[in-house]
Every structure is written in structure tokens, then in C-alpha cells.
Amino acid sequence: QVQLVESGGGLVQAGGSLRLSCAASGRTFSTYTMGWFRQTPGKERELMTTINWNSGSTYYADSVKGRFTISRDSAKNTVYLQMYSLKPEDTAVYYCAARNQPTWWKYWGQGTQVTVSS
């Protein structure tokens, strides 16, 4: 049974920081790419960042580049999203996901709410 379980969301003031975790279980993800998405009402789901589990290669969207960092701990089978300098526009439900194909994200977490107040 493959699962991605997210945690770490909450309420933070603008300029603050937050660390999200995504605990993966049920299989090895060494051949997968992991990603973090976010979504707000009225907006398209946004891919923020990805990491290739095996190589550690990363990608960042312009909206989060320089502020967010994705990482993984292979021993714990966990992916992290460290967020700094948070802005009210970062308010969203944040999801982790995994894929082993170029476009289809096969596994998804349940989502965790991040709210940034001004």
C-alpha cells in the first residue's frame, strides 16, 4: 500500500518560515521524481519544485526560487519542503506527489494547509 502523508502546515506571519514533510511508504521511490504542488480556490494547481530521488537533481518554479528548498532523506523515506520569507500569496493547500513517468503524477498526499497572514 503506497502512501504519501504530509505534515507541517499551519499559520505563519509574512516573512516567517515553515517546514513541510512528506512521509512516503509502501515501496522504494529510488526510481521516482518527487514534487510539491500548491492550489488555491480559483487558481490552477501549481508545480513549485521537484527532486529526483536517485540523483538529487532539483527544479524550482520562478515563484519560489530562492525562497523554498526541496530535499529528501532516503533513510527515512521522507521529502521536505523548507519555506522561507513566506508571503500572503503563498497561502494554499500544499501537496506532495510522486511520478516515474514524464507527466503523470501517480501518487499524491492528502494535502496540508499553509496560511500566511499579513
Protein backbone atom coordinates (compact mmCIF):
# COMPACT_ATOMS: atom_id res chain seq x y z
CA GLN A 1 0.00 0.00 0.00
CA VAL A 2 1.73 3.14 -1.24
CA GLN A 3 1.11 6.28 0.77
CA LEU A 4 2.33 9.85 0.90
CA VAL A 5 1.48 11.56 4.17
CA GLU A 6 2.06 15.29 4.53
CA SER A 7 2.50 17.27 7.71
CA GLY A 8 3.83 20.59 8.95
CA GLY A 9 1.28 23.04 7.62
CA GLY A 10 -0.14 25.83 9.73
CA LEU A 11 -0.49 29.56 10.24
CA VAL A 12 2.56 31.79 9.93
CA GLN A 13 3.12 35.53 9.63
CA ALA A 14 4.53 37.10 6.49
CA GLY A 15 8.30 36.84 6.45
CA GLY A 16 8.27 33.68 8.53
CA SER A 17 9.33 30.16 7.69
CA LEU A 18 7.75 26.73 7.68
CA ARG A 19 8.95 23.19 7.01
CA LEU A 20 6.66 20.63 5.40
CA SER A 21 7.26 16.88 5.47
CA CYS A 22 6.03 14.12 3.18
CA ALA A 23 6.46 10.62 4.57
CA ALA A 24 6.49 8.02 1.79
CA SER A 25 5.80 4.35 2.37
CA GLY A 26 4.83 1.14 0.60
CA ARG A 27 7.67 0.99 -1.91
CA THR A 28 11.07 2.35 -2.74
CA PHE A 29 10.99 5.68 -4.56
CA SER A 30 14.54 5.48 -5.86
CA THR A 31 13.29 5.50 -9.46
CA TYR A 32 10.79 8.32 -8.85
CA THR A 33 10.72 12.07 -9.06
CA MET A 34 9.07 13.75 -6.09
CA GLY A 35 7.26 17.07 -6.30
CA TRP A 36 5.50 19.72 -4.25
CA PHE A 37 2.36 21.40 -5.59
CA ARG A 38 0.03 24.03 -4.21
CA GLN A 39 -3.51 25.06 -5.04
CA THR A 40 -5.85 27.88 -4.04
CA PRO A 41 -9.51 28.39 -4.99
CA GLY A 42 -9.82 29.89 -8.45
CA LYS A 43 -6.26 29.08 -9.44
CA GLU A 44 -4.66 26.23 -11.33
CA ARG A 45 -2.60 23.71 -9.43
CA GLU A 46 0.96 24.97 -9.41
CA LEU A 47 4.08 22.82 -9.51
CA MET A 48 6.61 24.51 -7.25
CA THR A 49 9.57 22.17 -7.13
CA THR A 50 10.76 18.64 -7.89
CA ILE A 51 13.61 16.40 -6.85
CA ASN A 52 14.88 13.23 -8.46
CA TRP A 53 15.17 10.76 -5.62
CA ASN A 54 18.16 8.93 -7.01
CA SER A 55 20.28 11.81 -8.27
CA GLY A 56 19.06 14.67 -6.10
CA SER A 57 18.59 16.91 -9.14
CA THR A 58 16.10 19.69 -8.42
CA TYR A 59 13.81 22.06 -10.26
CA TYR A 60 12.20 25.25 -8.93
CA ALA A 61 9.47 27.41 -10.37
CA ASP A 62 10.26 31.11 -10.54
CA SER A 63 7.61 31.87 -7.93
CA VAL A 64 9.53 30.02 -5.22
CA LYS A 65 13.12 30.03 -6.45
CA GLY A 66 15.46 31.35 -3.80
CA ARG A 67 12.89 31.00 -1.01
CA PHE A 68 11.91 27.31 -0.98
CA THR A 69 14.18 24.28 -0.81
CA ILE A 70 13.23 20.68 -1.56
CA SER A 71 15.20 17.80 -0.07
CA ARG A 72 14.86 14.13 0.74
CA ASP A 73 16.09 11.76 3.42
CA SER A 74 16.44 8.32 1.86
CA ALA A 75 16.86 6.57 5.21
CA LYS A 76 13.54 8.00 6.41
CA ASN A 77 11.83 7.82 3.00
CA THR A 78 10.75 11.41 3.54
CA VAL A 79 10.70 14.51 1.34
CA TYR A 80 10.83 18.00 2.80
CA LEU A 81 9.89 21.48 1.68
CA GLN A 82 11.66 24.23 3.60
CA MET A 83 9.97 27.59 3.04
CA TYR A 84 11.50 30.96 3.94
CA SER A 85 10.32 34.54 3.54
CA LEU A 86 6.71 33.49 3.25
CA LYS A 87 4.25 35.86 1.63
CA PRO A 88 0.45 36.03 1.84
CA GLU A 89 0.34 34.85 -1.79
CA ASP A 90 1.92 31.58 -0.63
CA THR A 91 -1.32 30.71 1.16
CA ALA A 92 -2.59 27.45 -0.34
CA VAL A 93 -3.10 23.76 0.20
CA TYR A 94 0.26 22.11 -0.34
CA TYR A 95 0.53 18.60 -1.81
CA CYS A 96 3.40 16.22 -2.32
CA ALA A 97 3.37 13.82 -5.24
CA ALA A 98 5.48 11.18 -6.97
CA ARG A 99 5.92 10.10 -10.58
CA ASN A 100 8.01 7.68 -12.61
CA GLN A 101 6.79 9.00 -15.97
CA PRO A 102 7.41 12.38 -17.58
CA THR A 103 3.95 13.91 -17.00
CA TRP A 104 1.64 11.73 -14.91
CA TRP A 105 1.86 12.13 -11.13
CA LYS A 106 0.95 8.70 -9.85
CA TYR A 107 0.82 9.18 -6.09
CA TRP A 108 -0.50 12.10 -4.05
CA GLY A 109 -0.61 13.09 -0.44
CA GLN A 110 -3.73 14.36 1.28
CA GLY A 111 -2.59 17.97 1.37
CA THR A 112 -1.74 20.32 4.21
CA GLN A 113 -2.95 23.90 4.62
CA VAL A 114 -0.44 26.73 4.73
CA THR A 115 -1.81 30.14 5.66
CA VAL A 116 0.39 33.24 5.63
CA SER A 117 -1.02 36.30 7.37
CA SER A 118 -0.03 39.91 6.77
